[in-house]
Each structure stands twice: as structure tokens, then as C-alpha cells.
Amino acid sequence: MHEELFSQLLYMARQSDITITEVVGDANDPDVAFCKQRIINIHRNYKSNISLVIRLAHEITHINFSNPSYLYTFSPYIKNKEERITNERAVRIVAKLFYGDTPNEFRNWVDFMNEFNLPSWFEPLIKDAIYD
């Protein structure tokens, strides 16, 4: 399931003229979005419990919606307004792909959080995003 979602995100990135490069590095090296160049470096072995699908959606969101002169590294935290908005948009993208035409009554925010290994501070974002 996650590989299919990952493939759909890669397609979305190509449609948005974003280049995805898979990199290998130290487990502490996060994913990086180079907004001005429209490049994302994805590190599959980055030591994050959060699903690669959410991480990629997060970086795509930075490139499509954030300040283009900035460089962003993956941050699951909701430390500032921009990261909160980016995480919310990323979750909405993944939820739309994950649930497709599934009626709201069959969607479950706890299952979604577990499926993508999301930390507890994502709960309010998830509750809002999956029922849109």
C-alpha cells in the first residue's frame, strides 16, 4: 500500500516539476527540500518512525507552498506556523490518496495515525484532514 502511495506522490511531484532524488547517507540525515531548485532529496533510511509517504508529501508541500528561497529539512514537529501548515497540507494530500472515495463514516483517524506512524501531536491535524 505504501509503495503505491509513494508512486502516486512521485507522479504528483513530476507533474509539479519537482525532481526527487533518493540519497544514501547517515541515518541522522533527514529528507531535504530545495525549494528554489524544486528538488527533494529523500533518504529512505532516515531514522524517523514517520512513514516515508508522509515525509515525501511534507517535502512536496514545502516546495509547492513555502518560501521558494528557503531550504527545508524534514521536521515532524509543529514548532511554528509554517511547519504546522505544511504538515496539515501533507496529511490532507495523503488522506485524499489513501481514502479515495471512501465515505467519511468508514474513515478512522486512529487507524490513519497508526498506518503512517504519526506521533500524538498530529492528532488534531488528522482529525480535521481525513474527514474533508
N, C-alpha and C. Protein backbone atom coordinates (compact mmCIF):
# COMPACT_ATOMS: atom_id res chain seq x y z
N MET A 1 0.82 -1.20 0.00
CA MET A 1 0.00 0.00 0.00
C MET A 1 0.86 1.26 0.00
N HIS A 2 1.88 1.28 0.84
CA HIS A 2 2.70 2.49 0.93
C HIS A 2 3.48 2.74 -0.35
N GLU A 3 3.93 1.67 -1.01
CA GLU A 3 4.67 1.85 -2.27
C GLU A 3 3.76 2.46 -3.34
N GLU A 4 2.50 2.05 -3.34
CA GLU A 4 1.55 2.63 -4.31
C GLU A 4 1.34 4.12 -4.02
N LEU A 5 1.17 4.47 -2.76
CA LEU A 5 1.02 5.88 -2.38
C LEU A 5 2.29 6.66 -2.72
N PHE A 6 3.45 6.06 -2.44
CA PHE A 6 4.72 6.70 -2.76
C PHE A 6 4.80 6.97 -4.26
N SER A 7 4.41 6.01 -5.07
CA SER A 7 4.41 6.18 -6.53
C SER A 7 3.47 7.30 -6.96
N GLN A 8 2.32 7.39 -6.33
CA GLN A 8 1.38 8.47 -6.66
C GLN A 8 1.97 9.83 -6.30
N LEU A 9 2.69 9.89 -5.19
CA LEU A 9 3.34 11.15 -4.80
C LEU A 9 4.47 11.51 -5.77
N LEU A 10 5.21 10.50 -6.22
CA LEU A 10 6.25 10.76 -7.22
C LEU A 10 5.64 11.34 -8.49
N TYR A 11 4.50 10.79 -8.89
CA TYR A 11 3.79 11.31 -10.06
C TYR A 11 3.36 12.76 -9.83
N MET A 12 2.81 13.04 -8.67
CA MET A 12 2.41 14.42 -8.33
C MET A 12 3.61 15.35 -8.40
N ALA A 13 4.74 14.90 -7.89
CA ALA A 13 5.96 15.72 -7.91
C ALA A 13 6.37 16.01 -9.36
N ARG A 14 6.37 14.99 -10.20
CA ARG A 14 6.74 15.19 -11.61
C ARG A 14 5.79 16.19 -12.27
N GLN A 15 4.50 16.07 -11.97
CA GLN A 15 3.51 16.99 -12.54
C GLN A 15 3.75 18.43 -12.07
N SER A 16 4.36 18.59 -10.92
CA SER A 16 4.67 19.92 -10.37
C SER A 16 6.11 20.35 -10.69
N ASP A 17 6.75 19.61 -11.59
CA ASP A 17 8.13 19.91 -11.99
C ASP A 17 9.10 19.88 -10.81
N ILE A 18 8.91 18.87 -9.96
CA ILE A 18 9.79 18.66 -8.81
C ILE A 18 10.61 17.41 -9.09
N THR A 19 11.92 17.52 -8.89
CA THR A 19 12.82 16.38 -9.05
C THR A 19 13.02 15.71 -7.71
N ILE A 20 12.83 14.39 -7.69
CA ILE A 20 13.05 13.61 -6.47
C ILE A 20 14.32 12.81 -6.66
N THR A 21 15.22 12.95 -5.71
CA THR A 21 16.47 12.19 -5.73
C THR A 21 16.53 11.36 -4.46
N GLU A 22 16.72 10.07 -4.62
CA GLU A 22 16.89 9.22 -3.44
C GLU A 22 18.37 9.21 -3.09
N VAL A 23 18.66 9.58 -1.86
CA VAL A 23 20.04 9.67 -1.40
C VAL A 23 20.32 8.63 -0.33
N VAL A 24 21.58 8.31 -0.16
CA VAL A 24 22.02 7.41 0.89
C VAL A 24 22.97 8.20 1.76
N GLY A 25 22.78 8.08 3.05
CA GLY A 25 23.64 8.81 3.96
C GLY A 25 23.52 8.25 5.36
N ASP A 26 23.99 9.03 6.28
CA ASP A 26 23.91 8.68 7.69
C ASP A 26 22.43 8.63 8.10
N ALA A 27 22.09 7.76 9.02
CA ALA A 27 20.70 7.63 9.48
C ALA A 27 20.17 8.92 10.08
N ASN A 28 21.03 9.84 10.45
CA ASN A 28 20.61 11.12 11.01
C ASN A 28 20.37 12.19 9.96
N ASP A 29 20.64 11.89 8.69
CA ASP A 29 20.44 12.86 7.61
C ASP A 29 18.99 12.86 7.17
N PRO A 30 18.26 13.96 7.41
CA PRO A 30 16.83 14.00 7.06
C PRO A 30 16.61 14.23 5.57
N ASP A 31 15.36 14.09 5.17
CA ASP A 31 14.94 14.46 3.83
C ASP A 31 15.09 15.98 3.72
N VAL A 32 15.35 16.46 2.49
CA VAL A 32 15.58 17.89 2.31
C VAL A 32 14.81 18.38 1.09
N ALA A 33 14.19 19.55 1.22
CA ALA A 33 13.52 20.20 0.09
C ALA A 33 14.29 21.47 -0.26
N PHE A 34 14.78 21.53 -1.48
CA PHE A 34 15.43 22.72 -2.01
C PHE A 34 14.38 23.45 -2.83
N CYS A 35 13.70 24.38 -2.20
CA CYS A 35 12.52 24.99 -2.82
C CYS A 35 12.83 25.73 -4.11
N LYS A 36 13.86 26.55 -4.11
CA LYS A 36 14.18 27.36 -5.29
C LYS A 36 14.53 26.46 -6.48
N GLN A 37 15.25 25.37 -6.23
CA GLN A 37 15.65 24.47 -7.30
C GLN A 37 14.58 23.41 -7.61
N ARG A 38 13.57 23.32 -6.74
CA ARG A 38 12.47 22.36 -6.89
C ARG A 38 13.01 20.92 -6.90
N ILE A 39 13.86 20.65 -5.92
CA ILE A 39 14.48 19.33 -5.76
C ILE A 39 14.21 18.83 -4.34
N ILE A 40 13.90 17.55 -4.24
CA ILE A 40 13.75 16.91 -2.93
C ILE A 40 14.73 15.75 -2.86
N ASN A 41 15.52 15.73 -1.80
CA ASN A 41 16.36 14.58 -1.51
C ASN A 41 15.64 13.73 -0.48
N ILE A 42 15.29 12.52 -0.87
CA ILE A 42 14.62 11.59 0.03
C ILE A 42 15.63 10.56 0.51
N HIS A 43 15.66 10.36 1.79
CA HIS A 43 16.58 9.41 2.41
C HIS A 43 15.74 8.32 3.07
N ARG A 44 15.57 7.21 2.39
CA ARG A 44 14.71 6.12 2.88
C ARG A 44 15.16 5.61 4.25
N ASN A 45 16.44 5.69 4.56
CA ASN A 45 16.95 5.14 5.81
C ASN A 45 17.09 6.19 6.92
N TYR A 46 16.49 7.35 6.72
CA TYR A 46 16.50 8.37 7.77
C TYR A 46 15.79 7.80 8.99
N LYS A 47 16.37 7.98 10.15
CA LYS A 47 15.81 7.35 11.35
C LYS A 47 14.61 8.14 11.87
N SER A 48 13.53 7.94 11.21
CA SER A 48 12.25 8.53 11.59
C SER A 48 11.22 7.41 11.54
N ASN A 49 10.38 7.34 12.54
CA ASN A 49 9.32 6.35 12.52
C ASN A 49 8.18 6.75 11.60
N ILE A 50 8.11 8.03 11.28
CA ILE A 50 7.04 8.52 10.42
C ILE A 50 7.22 7.97 9.01
N SER A 51 6.13 7.53 8.43
CA SER A 51 6.13 6.92 7.11
C SER A 51 6.82 7.79 6.06
N LEU A 52 7.53 7.13 5.17
CA LEU A 52 8.17 7.81 4.04
C LEU A 52 7.14 8.55 3.19
N VAL A 53 5.94 8.03 3.11
CA VAL A 53 4.87 8.67 2.34
C VAL A 53 4.54 10.04 2.92
N ILE A 54 4.38 10.12 4.22
CA ILE A 54 4.09 11.41 4.86
C ILE A 54 5.27 12.36 4.68
N ARG A 55 6.47 11.83 4.83
CA ARG A 55 7.67 12.66 4.69
C ARG A 55 7.77 13.25 3.28
N LEU A 56 7.50 12.42 2.26
CA LEU A 56 7.56 12.93 0.89
C LEU A 56 6.47 13.96 0.65
N ALA A 57 5.27 13.69 1.10
CA ALA A 57 4.17 14.67 0.95
C ALA A 57 4.53 15.98 1.64
N HIS A 58 5.18 15.90 2.78
CA HIS A 58 5.61 17.08 3.53
C HIS A 58 6.58 17.91 2.68
N GLU A 59 7.57 17.27 2.07
CA GLU A 59 8.56 18.00 1.28
C GLU A 59 7.94 18.56 -0.01
N ILE A 60 7.05 17.82 -0.64
CA ILE A 60 6.34 18.34 -1.82
C ILE A 60 5.57 19.59 -1.44
N THR A 61 4.93 19.55 -0.30
CA THR A 61 4.16 20.70 0.17
C THR A 61 5.06 21.91 0.39
N HIS A 62 6.24 21.70 0.97
CA HIS A 62 7.17 22.83 1.14
C HIS A 62 7.49 23.47 -0.21
N ILE A 63 7.79 22.66 -1.20
CA ILE A 63 8.16 23.22 -2.50
C ILE A 63 6.98 23.93 -3.15
N ASN A 64 5.80 23.37 -3.06
CA ASN A 64 4.65 23.97 -3.72
C ASN A 64 4.06 25.17 -3.00
N PHE A 65 4.27 25.27 -1.68
CA PHE A 65 3.58 26.32 -0.93
C PHE A 65 4.46 27.20 -0.04
N SER A 66 5.72 26.85 0.18
CA SER A 66 6.55 27.61 1.10
C SER A 66 7.39 28.65 0.37
N ASN A 67 8.13 29.43 1.14
CA ASN A 67 9.01 30.45 0.60
C ASN A 67 10.04 29.78 -0.31
N PRO A 68 10.07 30.14 -1.58
CA PRO A 68 10.94 29.44 -2.52
C PRO A 68 12.44 29.64 -2.30
N SER A 69 12.83 30.61 -1.52
CA SER A 69 14.26 30.84 -1.32
C SER A 69 14.81 30.04 -0.14
N TYR A 70 13.96 29.27 0.51
CA TYR A 70 14.39 28.53 1.70
C TYR A 70 14.77 27.09 1.37
N LEU A 71 15.54 26.52 2.28
CA LEU A 71 15.89 25.11 2.27
C LEU A 71 15.21 24.51 3.49
N TYR A 72 14.47 23.42 3.30
CA TYR A 72 13.75 22.80 4.42
C TYR A 72 14.23 21.38 4.61
N THR A 73 14.43 21.00 5.86
CA THR A 73 14.69 19.62 6.20
C THR A 73 13.45 19.08 6.88
N PHE A 74 13.24 17.79 6.76
CA PHE A 74 12.03 17.20 7.32
C PHE A 74 11.94 17.46 8.82
N SER A 75 10.79 17.95 9.23
CA SER A 75 10.54 18.19 10.64
C SER A 75 9.12 17.77 10.96
N PRO A 76 8.95 16.74 11.76
CA PRO A 76 7.61 16.28 12.09
C PRO A 76 6.94 17.16 13.14
N TYR A 77 7.71 18.05 13.74
CA TYR A 77 7.18 18.84 14.85
C TYR A 77 6.34 19.99 14.35
N ILE A 78 5.52 20.47 15.22
CA ILE A 78 4.65 21.59 14.88
C ILE A 78 5.15 22.79 15.70
N LYS A 79 6.40 23.15 15.46
CA LYS A 79 7.07 24.21 16.23
C LYS A 79 6.60 25.60 15.81
N ASN A 80 6.32 25.76 14.56
CA ASN A 80 5.93 27.09 14.09
C ASN A 80 4.77 26.96 13.11
N LYS A 81 4.22 28.09 12.76
CA LYS A 81 3.04 28.11 11.90
C LYS A 81 3.30 27.44 10.55
N GLU A 82 4.45 27.71 9.95
CA GLU A 82 4.74 27.15 8.64
C GLU A 82 4.81 25.62 8.67
N GLU A 83 5.47 25.06 9.69
CA GLU A 83 5.55 23.61 9.78
C GLU A 83 4.17 22.99 10.05
N ARG A 84 3.38 23.67 10.86
CA ARG A 84 2.03 23.17 11.12
C ARG A 84 1.21 23.13 9.84
N ILE A 85 1.27 24.21 9.07
CA ILE A 85 0.52 24.28 7.81
C ILE A 85 1.05 23.24 6.83
N THR A 86 2.36 23.08 6.78
CA THR A 86 2.96 22.09 5.87
C THR A 86 2.54 20.68 6.25
N ASN A 87 2.58 20.37 7.53
CA ASN A 87 2.15 19.04 7.97
C ASN A 87 0.67 18.81 7.67
N GLU A 88 -0.13 19.84 7.89
CA GLU A 88 -1.57 19.71 7.62
C GLU A 88 -1.83 19.45 6.13
N ARG A 89 -1.16 20.20 5.28
CA ARG A 89 -1.34 20.01 3.83
C ARG A 89 -0.86 18.62 3.40
N ALA A 90 0.27 18.20 3.95
CA ALA A 90 0.81 16.87 3.61
C ALA A 90 -0.17 15.77 4.01
N VAL A 91 -0.73 15.89 5.20
CA VAL A 91 -1.69 14.89 5.68
C VAL A 91 -2.93 14.89 4.79
N ARG A 92 -3.39 16.06 4.38
CA ARG A 92 -4.56 16.14 3.50
C ARG A 92 -4.30 15.45 2.16
N ILE A 93 -3.10 15.65 1.62
CA ILE A 93 -2.74 15.01 0.36
C ILE A 93 -2.77 13.49 0.51
N VAL A 94 -2.11 13.00 1.56
CA VAL A 94 -2.05 11.55 1.76
C VAL A 94 -3.43 10.98 2.07
N ALA A 95 -4.21 11.68 2.88
CA ALA A 95 -5.56 11.19 3.21
C ALA A 95 -6.42 11.08 1.96
N LYS A 96 -6.31 12.06 1.07
CA LYS A 96 -7.09 12.02 -0.17
C LYS A 96 -6.70 10.81 -1.01
N LEU A 97 -5.39 10.53 -1.10
CA LEU A 97 -4.92 9.37 -1.85
C LEU A 97 -5.29 8.07 -1.15
N PHE A 98 -5.13 8.04 0.15
CA PHE A 98 -5.35 6.83 0.95
C PHE A 98 -6.82 6.43 0.98
N TYR A 99 -7.69 7.41 1.18
CA TYR A 99 -9.12 7.10 1.31
C TYR A 99 -9.88 7.16 0.00
N GLY A 100 -9.39 7.91 -0.96
CA GLY A 100 -10.07 8.00 -2.25
C GLY A 100 -11.53 8.37 -2.07
N ASP A 101 -12.42 7.50 -2.50
CA ASP A 101 -13.86 7.75 -2.43
C ASP A 101 -14.51 7.10 -1.21
N THR A 102 -13.70 6.70 -0.23
CA THR A 102 -14.24 6.08 0.98
C THR A 102 -15.11 7.07 1.74
N PRO A 103 -16.35 6.73 2.03
CA PRO A 103 -17.21 7.64 2.80
C PRO A 103 -16.61 7.94 4.19
N ASN A 104 -16.90 9.12 4.69
CA ASN A 104 -16.36 9.55 5.99
C ASN A 104 -16.63 8.55 7.12
N GLU A 105 -17.78 7.93 7.11
CA GLU A 105 -18.12 7.03 8.22
C GLU A 105 -17.23 5.79 8.26
N PHE A 106 -16.49 5.53 7.19
CA PHE A 106 -15.57 4.39 7.17
C PHE A 106 -14.11 4.80 7.36
N ARG A 107 -13.89 6.08 7.62
CA ARG A 107 -12.54 6.59 7.87
C ARG A 107 -12.31 6.62 9.37
N ASN A 108 -11.09 6.34 9.77
CA ASN A 108 -10.79 6.30 11.20
C ASN A 108 -9.45 6.99 11.43
N TRP A 109 -9.48 8.08 12.19
CA TRP A 109 -8.26 8.86 12.39
C TRP A 109 -7.19 8.09 13.16
N VAL A 110 -7.59 7.22 14.08
CA VAL A 110 -6.62 6.43 14.84
C VAL A 110 -5.92 5.44 13.91
N ASP A 111 -6.69 4.78 13.06
CA ASP A 111 -6.10 3.85 12.10
C ASP A 111 -5.13 4.58 11.17
N PHE A 112 -5.51 5.78 10.74
CA PHE A 112 -4.64 6.57 9.86
C PHE A 112 -3.33 6.90 10.57
N MET A 113 -3.42 7.34 11.80
CA MET A 113 -2.20 7.66 12.56
C MET A 113 -1.32 6.43 12.73
N ASN A 114 -1.92 5.30 13.02
CA ASN A 114 -1.15 4.07 13.17
C ASN A 114 -0.55 3.61 11.85
N GLU A 115 -1.30 3.73 10.79
CA GLU A 115 -0.83 3.30 9.46
C GLU A 115 0.45 4.04 9.06
N PHE A 116 0.52 5.33 9.40
CA PHE A 116 1.65 6.15 8.97
C PHE A 116 2.60 6.52 10.11
N ASN A 117 2.41 5.84 11.25
CA ASN A 117 3.29 6.04 12.42
C ASN A 117 3.41 7.51 12.83
N LEU A 118 2.29 8.16 12.93
CA LEU A 118 2.29 9.57 13.27
C LEU A 118 2.26 9.77 14.79
N PRO A 119 3.05 10.72 15.28
CA PRO A 119 3.08 10.98 16.72
C PRO A 119 1.80 11.65 17.20
N SER A 120 1.59 11.64 18.50
CA SER A 120 0.35 12.13 19.09
C SER A 120 0.04 13.58 18.76
N TRP A 121 1.07 14.42 18.59
CA TRP A 121 0.79 15.83 18.33
C TRP A 121 0.19 16.05 16.94
N PHE A 122 0.11 15.01 16.10
CA PHE A 122 -0.56 15.11 14.81
C PHE A 122 -2.07 14.92 14.94
N GLU A 123 -2.53 14.45 16.08
CA GLU A 123 -3.93 14.10 16.25
C GLU A 123 -4.91 15.17 15.77
N PRO A 124 -4.76 16.44 16.20
CA PRO A 124 -5.73 17.44 15.73
C PRO A 124 -5.69 17.63 14.20
N LEU A 125 -4.50 17.54 13.62
CA LEU A 125 -4.39 17.68 12.16
C LEU A 125 -5.12 16.54 11.45
N ILE A 126 -4.93 15.34 11.97
CA ILE A 126 -5.53 14.15 11.36
C ILE A 126 -7.04 14.21 11.45
N LYS A 127 -7.53 14.56 12.62
CA LYS A 127 -9.00 14.62 12.80
C LYS A 127 -9.64 15.58 11.82
N ASP A 128 -8.98 16.71 11.56
CA ASP A 128 -9.52 17.67 10.59
C ASP A 128 -9.35 17.20 9.15
N ALA A 129 -8.20 16.62 8.85
CA ALA A 129 -7.85 16.34 7.45
C ALA A 129 -8.58 15.15 6.84
N ILE A 130 -8.77 14.09 7.59
CA ILE A 130 -9.30 12.89 6.92
C ILE A 130 -10.80 12.92 6.68
N TYR A 131 -11.48 13.86 7.30
CA TYR A 131 -12.94 13.91 7.11
C TYR A 131 -13.37 15.00 6.14
N ASP A 132 -12.43 15.57 5.41
CA ASP A 132 -12.77 16.60 4.40
C ASP A 132 -13.39 15.98 3.18
